[in-house]
Amino acid sequence: LCRALADTEYAEISSVLENTTAFAVSHEDPVAAAKI
C-alpha cells in the first residue's frame, strides 16, 4: 500500500501504515465507507 500511495496525492497516509491494515474505498458515495 505504501508503494501504491507513493505517486499519489495521498502519499502522506503512509505514515500510519503499521500493524494490520484493511483498506476500504468507495467509488460513488463519499460518506458510505466512513459511516459504516
Full PDB file with SEQRES, HELIX, SHEET, SSBOND, CRYST1, ORIGX, SCALE, CONECT and MASTER records, all heavy atoms in Angstrom:
SEQRES   1 A   36  LEU CYS ARG ALA LEU ALA ASP THR GLU TYR ALA GLU ILE          
SEQRES   2 A   36  SER SER VAL LEU GLU ASN THR THR ALA PHE ALA VAL SER          
SEQRES   3 A   36  HIS GLU ASP PRO VAL ALA ALA ALA LYS ILE                      
HELIX    1 AA1 CYS A    2  ALA A    6  1                                   5    
HELIX    2 AA2 ALA A   11  VAL A   16  5                                   6    
HELIX    3 AA3 ALA A   32  LYS A   35  1                                   4    
CRYST1    1.000    1.000    1.000  90.00  90.00  90.00 P 1           1          
ORIGX1      1.000000  0.000000  0.000000        0.00000                         
ORIGX2      0.000000  1.000000  0.000000        0.00000                         
ORIGX3      0.000000  0.000000  1.000000        0.00000                         
SCALE1      1.000000  0.000000  0.000000        0.00000                         
SCALE2      0.000000  1.000000  0.000000        0.00000                         
SCALE3      0.000000  0.000000  1.000000        0.00000                         
ATOM      1  N   LEU A   1       0.836  -1.201   0.000  1.00  0.00           N  
ATOM      2  CA  LEU A   1       0.000   0.000   0.000  1.00  0.00           C  
ATOM      3  C   LEU A   1       0.869   1.249   0.000  1.00  0.00           C  
ATOM      4  O   LEU A   1       0.535   2.255  -0.637  1.00  0.00           O  
ATOM      5  CB  LEU A   1      -0.922  -0.001   1.218  1.00  0.00           C  
ATOM      6  CG  LEU A   1      -1.908   1.165   1.311  1.00  0.00           C  
ATOM      7  CD1 LEU A   1      -2.755   1.277   0.056  1.00  0.00           C  
ATOM      8  CD2 LEU A   1      -2.803   1.002   2.534  1.00  0.00           C  
ATOM      9  N   CYS A   2       1.991   1.185   0.686  1.00  0.00           N  
ATOM     10  CA  CYS A   2       2.921   2.317   0.721  1.00  0.00           C  
ATOM     11  C   CYS A   2       3.441   2.617  -0.686  1.00  0.00           C  
ATOM     12  O   CYS A   2       3.533   3.787  -1.084  1.00  0.00           O  
ATOM     13  CB  CYS A   2       4.073   2.008   1.666  1.00  0.00           C  
ATOM     14  SG  CYS A   2       5.233   3.374   1.893  1.00  0.00           S  
ATOM     15  N   ARG A   3       3.756   1.575  -1.441  1.00  0.00           N  
ATOM     16  CA  ARG A   3       4.219   1.765  -2.822  1.00  0.00           C  
ATOM     17  C   ARG A   3       3.114   2.352  -3.687  1.00  0.00           C  
ATOM     18  O   ARG A   3       3.365   3.208  -4.543  1.00  0.00           O  
ATOM     19  CB  ARG A   3       4.674   0.425  -3.400  1.00  0.00           C  
ATOM     20  CG  ARG A   3       5.933  -0.148  -2.753  1.00  0.00           C  
ATOM     21  CD  ARG A   3       6.263  -1.500  -3.331  1.00  0.00           C  
ATOM     22  NE  ARG A   3       7.345  -2.156  -2.608  1.00  0.00           N  
ATOM     23  CZ  ARG A   3       7.757  -3.393  -2.836  1.00  0.00           C  
ATOM     24  NH1 ARG A   3       7.166  -4.102  -3.807  1.00  0.00           N  
ATOM     25  NH2 ARG A   3       8.722  -3.931  -2.143  1.00  0.00           N  
ATOM     26  N   ALA A   4       1.876   1.875  -3.469  1.00  0.00           N  
ATOM     27  CA  ALA A   4       0.751   2.375  -4.254  1.00  0.00           C  
ATOM     28  C   ALA A   4       0.469   3.842  -3.946  1.00  0.00           C  
ATOM     29  O   ALA A   4       0.065   4.608  -4.826  1.00  0.00           O  
ATOM     30  CB  ALA A   4      -0.491   1.531  -3.965  1.00  0.00           C  
ATOM     31  N   LEU A   5       0.705   4.251  -2.711  1.00  0.00           N  
ATOM     32  CA  LEU A   5       0.456   5.630  -2.294  1.00  0.00           C  
ATOM     33  C   LEU A   5       1.541   6.589  -2.768  1.00  0.00           C  
ATOM     34  O   LEU A   5       1.303   7.791  -2.890  1.00  0.00           O  
ATOM     35  CB  LEU A   5       0.360   5.712  -0.763  1.00  0.00           C  
ATOM     36  CG  LEU A   5      -0.897   5.142  -0.110  1.00  0.00           C  
ATOM     37  CD1 LEU A   5      -0.662   4.945   1.378  1.00  0.00           C  
ATOM     38  CD2 LEU A   5      -2.087   6.061  -0.345  1.00  0.00           C  
ATOM     39  N   ALA A   6       2.710   6.051  -3.031  1.00  0.00           N  
ATOM     40  CA  ALA A   6       3.901   6.875  -3.284  1.00  0.00           C  
ATOM     41  C   ALA A   6       3.706   7.930  -4.359  1.00  0.00           C  
ATOM     42  O   ALA A   6       4.140   9.077  -4.210  1.00  0.00           O  
ATOM     43  CB  ALA A   6       5.079   5.979  -3.638  1.00  0.00           C  
ATOM     44  N   ASP A   7       3.048   7.584  -5.446  1.00  0.00           N  
ATOM     45  CA  ASP A   7       2.911   8.509  -6.579  1.00  0.00           C  
ATOM     46  C   ASP A   7       1.526   9.153  -6.650  1.00  0.00           C  
ATOM     47  O   ASP A   7       1.084   9.584  -7.711  1.00  0.00           O  
ATOM     48  CB  ASP A   7       3.202   7.770  -7.886  1.00  0.00           C  
ATOM     49  CG  ASP A   7       4.636   7.265  -7.962  1.00  0.00           C  
ATOM     50  OD1 ASP A   7       5.516   7.958  -7.423  1.00  0.00           O  
ATOM     51  OD2 ASP A   7       4.846   6.188  -8.541  1.00  0.00           O  
ATOM     52  N   THR A   8       0.838   9.212  -5.511  1.00  0.00           N  
ATOM     53  CA  THR A   8      -0.491   9.811  -5.485  1.00  0.00           C  
ATOM     54  C   THR A   8      -0.502  11.028  -4.571  1.00  0.00           C  
ATOM     55  O   THR A   8       0.476  11.304  -3.862  1.00  0.00           O  
ATOM     56  CB  THR A   8      -1.543   8.811  -4.973  1.00  0.00           C  
ATOM     57  OG1 THR A   8      -1.347   8.599  -3.561  1.00  0.00           O  
ATOM     58  CG2 THR A   8      -1.429   7.484  -5.701  1.00  0.00           C  
ATOM     59  N   GLU A   9      -1.620  11.737  -4.569  1.00  0.00           N  
ATOM     60  CA  GLU A   9      -1.779  12.905  -3.693  1.00  0.00           C  
ATOM     61  C   GLU A   9      -2.014  12.507  -2.247  1.00  0.00           C  
ATOM     62  O   GLU A   9      -2.114  13.370  -1.362  1.00  0.00           O  
ATOM     63  CB  GLU A   9      -2.952  13.753  -4.191  1.00  0.00           C  
ATOM     64  CG  GLU A   9      -4.249  12.978  -4.326  1.00  0.00           C  
ATOM     65  CD  GLU A   9      -5.257  13.716  -5.172  1.00  0.00           C  
ATOM     66  OE1 GLU A   9      -5.202  14.957  -5.212  1.00  0.00           O  
ATOM     67  OE2 GLU A   9      -6.105  13.055  -5.806  1.00  0.00           O  
ATOM     68  N   TYR A  10      -2.100  11.196  -2.001  1.00  0.00           N  
ATOM     69  CA  TYR A  10      -2.348  10.709  -0.644  1.00  0.00           C  
ATOM     70  C   TYR A  10      -1.101  10.092  -0.007  1.00  0.00           C  
ATOM     71  O   TYR A  10      -1.189   9.323   0.949  1.00  0.00           O  
ATOM     72  CB  TYR A  10      -3.461   9.664  -0.659  1.00  0.00           C  
ATOM     73  CG  TYR A  10      -4.707  10.107  -1.375  1.00  0.00           C  
ATOM     74  CD1 TYR A  10      -5.204   9.376  -2.459  1.00  0.00           C  
ATOM     75  CD2 TYR A  10      -5.388  11.254  -0.989  1.00  0.00           C  
ATOM     76  CE1 TYR A  10      -6.362   9.781  -3.123  1.00  0.00           C  
ATOM     77  CE2 TYR A  10      -6.540  11.660  -1.653  1.00  0.00           C  
ATOM     78  CZ  TYR A  10      -7.014  10.921  -2.710  1.00  0.00           C  
ATOM     79  OH  TYR A  10      -8.153  11.323  -3.367  1.00  0.00           O  
ATOM     80  N   ALA A  11       0.069  10.427  -0.506  1.00  0.00           N  
ATOM     81  CA  ALA A  11       1.322   9.803  -0.062  1.00  0.00           C  
ATOM     82  C   ALA A  11       1.551   9.938   1.438  1.00  0.00           C  
ATOM     83  O   ALA A  11       2.136   9.043   2.066  1.00  0.00           O  
ATOM     84  CB  ALA A  11       2.493  10.407  -0.825  1.00  0.00           C  
ATOM     85  N   GLU A  12       1.093  11.024   2.045  1.00  0.00           N  
ATOM     86  CA  GLU A  12       1.340  11.237   3.476  1.00  0.00           C  
ATOM     87  C   GLU A  12       0.622  10.219   4.360  1.00  0.00           C  
ATOM     88  O   GLU A  12       0.948  10.067   5.539  1.00  0.00           O  
ATOM     89  CB  GLU A  12       0.927  12.641   3.895  1.00  0.00           C  
ATOM     90  CG  GLU A  12      -0.543  12.968   3.700  1.00  0.00           C  
ATOM     91  CD  GLU A  12      -0.858  14.417   4.040  1.00  0.00           C  
ATOM     92  OE1 GLU A  12      -0.992  14.725   5.236  1.00  0.00           O  
ATOM     93  OE2 GLU A  12      -0.963  15.227   3.105  1.00  0.00           O  
ATOM     94  N   ILE A  13      -0.367   9.516   3.805  1.00  0.00           N  
ATOM     95  CA  ILE A  13      -1.068   8.490   4.577  1.00  0.00           C  
ATOM     96  C   ILE A  13      -0.119   7.363   4.977  1.00  0.00           C  
ATOM     97  O   ILE A  13      -0.358   6.640   5.942  1.00  0.00           O  
ATOM     98  CB  ILE A  13      -2.256   7.922   3.770  1.00  0.00           C  
ATOM     99  CG1 ILE A  13      -3.317   9.009   3.559  1.00  0.00           C  
ATOM    100  CG2 ILE A  13      -2.891   6.726   4.470  1.00  0.00           C  
ATOM    101  CD1 ILE A  13      -4.516   8.555   2.751  1.00  0.00           C  
ATOM    102  N   SER A  14       0.989   7.223   4.266  1.00  0.00           N  
ATOM    103  CA  SER A  14       1.959   6.158   4.546  1.00  0.00           C  
ATOM    104  C   SER A  14       2.462   6.195   5.984  1.00  0.00           C  
ATOM    105  O   SER A  14       2.909   5.179   6.523  1.00  0.00           O  
ATOM    106  CB  SER A  14       3.149   6.263   3.587  1.00  0.00           C  
ATOM    107  OG  SER A  14       2.740   6.102   2.249  1.00  0.00           O  
ATOM    108  N   SER A  15       2.374   7.346   6.626  1.00  0.00           N  
ATOM    109  CA  SER A  15       2.879   7.493   7.994  1.00  0.00           C  
ATOM    110  C   SER A  15       2.092   6.665   9.008  1.00  0.00           C  
ATOM    111  O   SER A  15       2.579   6.401  10.112  1.00  0.00           O  
ATOM    112  CB  SER A  15       2.859   8.963   8.417  1.00  0.00           C  
ATOM    113  OG  SER A  15       1.534   9.477   8.398  1.00  0.00           O  
ATOM    114  N   VAL A  16       0.869   6.234   8.655  1.00  0.00           N  
ATOM    115  CA  VAL A  16       0.059   5.457   9.598  1.00  0.00           C  
ATOM    116  C   VAL A  16       0.095   3.962   9.279  1.00  0.00           C  
ATOM    117  O   VAL A  16      -0.606   3.174   9.924  1.00  0.00           O  
ATOM    118  CB  VAL A  16      -1.411   5.943   9.605  1.00  0.00           C  
ATOM    119  CG1 VAL A  16      -1.486   7.410   9.957  1.00  0.00           C  
ATOM    120  CG2 VAL A  16      -2.095   5.668   8.267  1.00  0.00           C  
ATOM    121  N   LEU A  17       0.901   3.572   8.309  1.00  0.00           N  
ATOM    122  CA  LEU A  17       0.938   2.172   7.897  1.00  0.00           C  
ATOM    123  C   LEU A  17       1.813   1.332   8.814  1.00  0.00           C  
ATOM    124  O   LEU A  17       3.009   1.142   8.589  1.00  0.00           O  
ATOM    125  CB  LEU A  17       1.425   2.068   6.445  1.00  0.00           C  
ATOM    126  CG  LEU A  17       0.520   2.704   5.396  1.00  0.00           C  
ATOM    127  CD1 LEU A  17       1.103   2.528   4.012  1.00  0.00           C  
ATOM    128  CD2 LEU A  17      -0.884   2.125   5.465  1.00  0.00           C  
ATOM    129  N   GLU A  18       1.198   0.847   9.863  1.00  0.00           N  
ATOM    130  CA  GLU A  18       1.858  -0.066  10.796  1.00  0.00           C  
ATOM    131  C   GLU A  18       0.817  -1.025  11.363  1.00  0.00           C  
ATOM    132  O   GLU A  18      -0.386  -0.782  11.245  1.00  0.00           O  
ATOM    133  CB  GLU A  18       2.535   0.712  11.927  1.00  0.00           C  
ATOM    134  CG  GLU A  18       1.599   1.599  12.715  1.00  0.00           C  
ATOM    135  CD  GLU A  18       2.331   2.399  13.767  1.00  0.00           C  
ATOM    136  OE1 GLU A  18       3.570   2.374  13.764  1.00  0.00           O  
ATOM    137  OE2 GLU A  18       1.653   3.024  14.603  1.00  0.00           O  
ATOM    138  N   ASN A  19       1.284  -2.118  11.945  1.00  0.00           N  
ATOM    139  CA  ASN A  19       0.389  -3.168  12.434  1.00  0.00           C  
ATOM    140  C   ASN A  19      -0.465  -3.691  11.273  1.00  0.00           C  
ATOM    141  O   ASN A  19      -0.039  -3.648  10.131  1.00  0.00           O  
ATOM    142  CB  ASN A  19      -0.482  -2.637  13.576  1.00  0.00           C  
ATOM    143  CG  ASN A  19       0.339  -2.143  14.748  1.00  0.00           C  
ATOM    144  OD1 ASN A  19       1.301  -2.786  15.143  1.00  0.00           O  
ATOM    145  ND2 ASN A  19      -0.026  -0.994  15.304  1.00  0.00           N  
ATOM    146  N   THR A  20      -1.658  -4.178  11.562  1.00  0.00           N  
ATOM    147  CA  THR A  20      -2.515  -4.690  10.488  1.00  0.00           C  
ATOM    148  C   THR A  20      -3.265  -3.548   9.823  1.00  0.00           C  
ATOM    149  O   THR A  20      -3.585  -2.553  10.459  1.00  0.00           O  
ATOM    150  CB  THR A  20      -3.541  -5.685  11.058  1.00  0.00           C  
ATOM    151  OG1 THR A  20      -4.329  -5.023  12.059  1.00  0.00           O  
ATOM    152  CG2 THR A  20      -2.852  -6.890  11.666  1.00  0.00           C  
ATOM    153  N   THR A  21      -3.542  -3.709   8.535  1.00  0.00           N  
ATOM    154  CA  THR A  21      -4.239  -2.658   7.791  1.00  0.00           C  
ATOM    155  C   THR A  21      -5.264  -3.256   6.840  1.00  0.00           C  
ATOM    156  O   THR A  21      -4.969  -4.174   6.080  1.00  0.00           O  
ATOM    157  CB  THR A  21      -3.248  -1.810   6.972  1.00  0.00           C  
ATOM    158  OG1 THR A  21      -2.275  -1.233   7.842  1.00  0.00           O  
ATOM    159  CG2 THR A  21      -3.988  -0.689   6.237  1.00  0.00           C  
ATOM    160  N   ALA A  22      -6.479  -2.700   6.907  1.00  0.00           N  
ATOM    161  CA  ALA A  22      -7.520  -3.014   5.931  1.00  0.00           C  
ATOM    162  C   ALA A  22      -7.883  -1.710   5.242  1.00  0.00           C  
ATOM    163  O   ALA A  22      -7.844  -0.641   5.849  1.00  0.00           O  
ATOM    164  CB  ALA A  22      -8.736  -3.630   6.608  1.00  0.00           C  
ATOM    165  N   PHE A  23      -8.210  -1.812   3.972  1.00  0.00           N  
ATOM    166  CA  PHE A  23      -8.416  -0.622   3.153  1.00  0.00           C  
ATOM    167  C   PHE A  23      -9.795  -0.681   2.500  1.00  0.00           C  
ATOM    168  O   PHE A  23     -10.136  -1.662   1.839  1.00  0.00           O  
ATOM    169  CB  PHE A  23      -7.319  -0.574   2.096  1.00  0.00           C  
ATOM    170  CG  PHE A  23      -7.301   0.681   1.275  1.00  0.00           C  
ATOM    171  CD1 PHE A  23      -7.630   1.908   1.808  1.00  0.00           C  
ATOM    172  CD2 PHE A  23      -6.944   0.623  -0.070  1.00  0.00           C  
ATOM    173  CE1 PHE A  23      -7.612   3.061   1.039  1.00  0.00           C  
ATOM    174  CE2 PHE A  23      -6.918   1.765  -0.849  1.00  0.00           C  
ATOM    175  CZ  PHE A  23      -7.255   2.988  -0.295  1.00  0.00           C  
ATOM    176  N   ALA A  24     -10.591   0.360   2.699  1.00  0.00           N  
ATOM    177  CA  ALA A  24     -11.933   0.431   2.108  1.00  0.00           C  
ATOM    178  C   ALA A  24     -12.011   1.638   1.187  1.00  0.00           C  
ATOM    179  O   ALA A  24     -11.608   2.738   1.574  1.00  0.00           O  
ATOM    180  CB  ALA A  24     -12.996   0.539   3.195  1.00  0.00           C  
ATOM    181  N   VAL A  25     -12.519   1.436  -0.024  1.00  0.00           N  
ATOM    182  CA  VAL A  25     -12.670   2.552  -0.958  1.00  0.00           C  
ATOM    183  C   VAL A  25     -14.092   2.567  -1.506  1.00  0.00           C  
ATOM    184  O   VAL A  25     -14.696   1.524  -1.744  1.00  0.00           O  
ATOM    185  CB  VAL A  25     -11.666   2.467  -2.128  1.00  0.00           C  
ATOM    186  CG1 VAL A  25     -10.258   2.675  -1.643  1.00  0.00           C  
ATOM    187  CG2 VAL A  25     -11.788   1.141  -2.858  1.00  0.00           C  
ATOM    188  N   SER A  26     -14.608   3.763  -1.684  1.00  0.00           N  
ATOM    189  CA  SER A  26     -15.944   3.950  -2.252  1.00  0.00           C  
ATOM    190  C   SER A  26     -15.817   4.737  -3.546  1.00  0.00           C  
ATOM    191  O   SER A  26     -15.119   5.750  -3.588  1.00  0.00           O  
ATOM    192  CB  SER A  26     -16.848   4.696  -1.269  1.00  0.00           C  
ATOM    193  OG  SER A  26     -18.118   4.924  -1.842  1.00  0.00           O  
ATOM    194  N   HIS A  27     -16.492   4.283  -4.589  1.00  0.00           N  
ATOM    195  CA  HIS A  27     -16.404   4.936  -5.897  1.00  0.00           C  
ATOM    196  C   HIS A  27     -17.616   5.809  -6.199  1.00  0.00           C  
ATOM    197  O   HIS A  27     -17.645   6.473  -7.237  1.00  0.00           O  
ATOM    198  CB  HIS A  27     -16.239   3.880  -6.985  1.00  0.00           C  
ATOM    199  CG  HIS A  27     -14.988   3.076  -6.849  1.00  0.00           C  
ATOM    200  ND1 HIS A  27     -13.749   3.538  -7.222  1.00  0.00           N  
ATOM    201  CD2 HIS A  27     -14.781   1.833  -6.337  1.00  0.00           C  
ATOM    202  CE1 HIS A  27     -12.829   2.618  -6.970  1.00  0.00           C  
ATOM    203  NE2 HIS A  27     -13.433   1.582  -6.436  1.00  0.00           N  
ATOM    204  N   GLU A  28     -18.618   5.803  -5.309  1.00  0.00           N  
ATOM    205  CA  GLU A  28     -19.824   6.587  -5.566  1.00  0.00           C  
ATOM    206  C   GLU A  28     -20.189   7.490  -4.397  1.00  0.00           C  
ATOM    207  O   GLU A  28     -20.278   8.699  -4.542  1.00  0.00           O  
ATOM    208  CB  GLU A  28     -20.995   5.652  -5.893  1.00  0.00           C  
ATOM    209  CG  GLU A  28     -20.798   4.861  -7.174  1.00  0.00           C  
ATOM    210  CD  GLU A  28     -21.991   3.988  -7.492  1.00  0.00           C  
ATOM    211  OE1 GLU A  28     -22.973   4.021  -6.721  1.00  0.00           O  
ATOM    212  OE2 GLU A  28     -21.945   3.265  -8.502  1.00  0.00           O  
ATOM    213  N   ASP A  29     -20.422   6.892  -3.230  1.00  0.00           N  
ATOM    214  CA  ASP A  29     -20.844   7.652  -2.051  1.00  0.00           C  
ATOM    215  C   ASP A  29     -19.620   7.986  -1.198  1.00  0.00           C  
ATOM    216  O   ASP A  29     -18.998   7.096  -0.628  1.00  0.00           O  
ATOM    217  CB  ASP A  29     -21.838   6.826  -1.236  1.00  0.00           C  
ATOM    218  CG  ASP A  29     -22.491   7.627  -0.117  1.00  0.00           C  
ATOM    219  OD1 ASP A  29     -21.942   8.686   0.246  1.00  0.00           O  
ATOM    220  OD2 ASP A  29     -23.541   7.205   0.386  1.00  0.00           O  
ATOM    221  N   PRO A  30     -19.240   9.256  -1.067  1.00  0.00           N  
ATOM    222  CA  PRO A  30     -18.041   9.626  -0.304  1.00  0.00           C  
ATOM    223  C   PRO A  30     -18.160   9.406   1.194  1.00  0.00           C  
ATOM    224  O   PRO A  30     -17.148   9.403   1.897  1.00  0.00           O  
ATOM    225  CB  PRO A  30     -17.878  11.119  -0.622  1.00  0.00           C  
ATOM    226  CG  PRO A  30     -19.234  11.581  -0.994  1.00  0.00           C  
ATOM    227  CD  PRO A  30     -19.885  10.432  -1.699  1.00  0.00           C  
ATOM    228  N   VAL A  31     -19.374   9.194   1.683  1.00  0.00           N  
ATOM    229  CA  VAL A  31     -19.590   9.060   3.127  1.00  0.00           C  
ATOM    230  C   VAL A  31     -19.747   7.599   3.561  1.00  0.00           C  
ATOM    231  O   VAL A  31     -19.509   7.264   4.713  1.00  0.00           O  
ATOM    232  CB  VAL A  31     -20.831   9.874   3.557  1.00  0.00           C  
ATOM    233  CG1 VAL A  31     -21.079   9.762   5.047  1.00  0.00           C  
ATOM    234  CG2 VAL A  31     -20.678  11.336   3.169  1.00  0.00           C  
ATOM    235  N   ALA A  32     -20.129   6.730   2.650  1.00  0.00           N  
ATOM    236  CA  ALA A  32     -20.507   5.354   2.983  1.00  0.00           C  
ATOM    237  C   ALA A  32     -19.450   4.598   3.779  1.00  0.00           C  
ATOM    238  O   ALA A  32     -19.742   4.046   4.848  1.00  0.00           O  
ATOM    239  CB  ALA A  32     -20.844   4.585   1.701  1.00  0.00           C  
ATOM    240  N   ALA A  33     -18.227   4.552   3.297  1.00  0.00           N  
ATOM    241  CA  ALA A  33     -17.167   3.789   3.973  1.00  0.00           C  
ATOM    242  C   ALA A  33     -16.893   4.334   5.362  1.00  0.00           C  
ATOM    243  O   ALA A  33     -16.786   3.581   6.342  1.00  0.00           O  
ATOM    244  CB  ALA A  33     -15.891   3.826   3.134  1.00  0.00           C  
ATOM    245  N   ALA A  34     -16.787   5.657   5.484  1.00  0.00           N  
ATOM    246  CA  ALA A  34     -16.504   6.280   6.780  1.00  0.00           C  
ATOM    247  C   ALA A  34     -17.623   6.009   7.779  1.00  0.00           C  
ATOM    248  O   ALA A  34     -17.369   5.691   8.951  1.00  0.00           O  
ATOM    249  CB  ALA A  34     -16.316   7.787   6.603  1.00  0.00           C  
ATOM    250  N   LYS A  35     -18.861   6.115   7.335  1.00  0.00           N  
ATOM    251  CA  LYS A  35     -20.010   5.935   8.225  1.00  0.00           C  
ATOM    252  C   LYS A  35     -20.072   4.508   8.774  1.00  0.00           C  
ATOM    253  O   LYS A  35     -20.258   4.290   9.978  1.00  0.00           O  
ATOM    254  CB  LYS A  35     -21.292   6.291   7.487  1.00  0.00           C  
ATOM    255  CG  LYS A  35     -22.535   6.333   8.368  1.00  0.00           C  
ATOM    256  CD  LYS A  35     -23.738   6.824   7.588  1.00  0.00           C  
ATOM    257  CE  LYS A  35     -23.644   8.304   7.301  1.00  0.00           C  
ATOM    258  NZ  LYS A  35     -23.736   9.144   8.527  1.00  0.00           N  
ATOM    259  N   ILE A  36     -19.920   3.526   7.890  1.00  0.00           N  
ATOM    260  CA  ILE A  36     -20.004   2.118   8.303  1.00  0.00           C  
ATOM    261  C   ILE A  36     -18.832   1.731   9.207  1.00  0.00           C  
ATOM    262  O   ILE A  36     -19.009   1.109  10.263  1.00  0.00           O  
ATOM    263  CB  ILE A  36     -20.056   1.200   7.071  1.00  0.00           C  
ATOM    264  CG1 ILE A  36     -21.345   1.441   6.286  1.00  0.00           C  
ATOM    265  CG2 ILE A  36     -19.955  -0.265   7.481  1.00  0.00           C  
ATOM    266  CD1 ILE A  36     -21.402   0.725   4.959  1.00  0.00           C  
TER     267      ILE A  36                                                      
MASTER        0    0    0    3    0    0    0    6  266    1    0    3          
END                                                                             
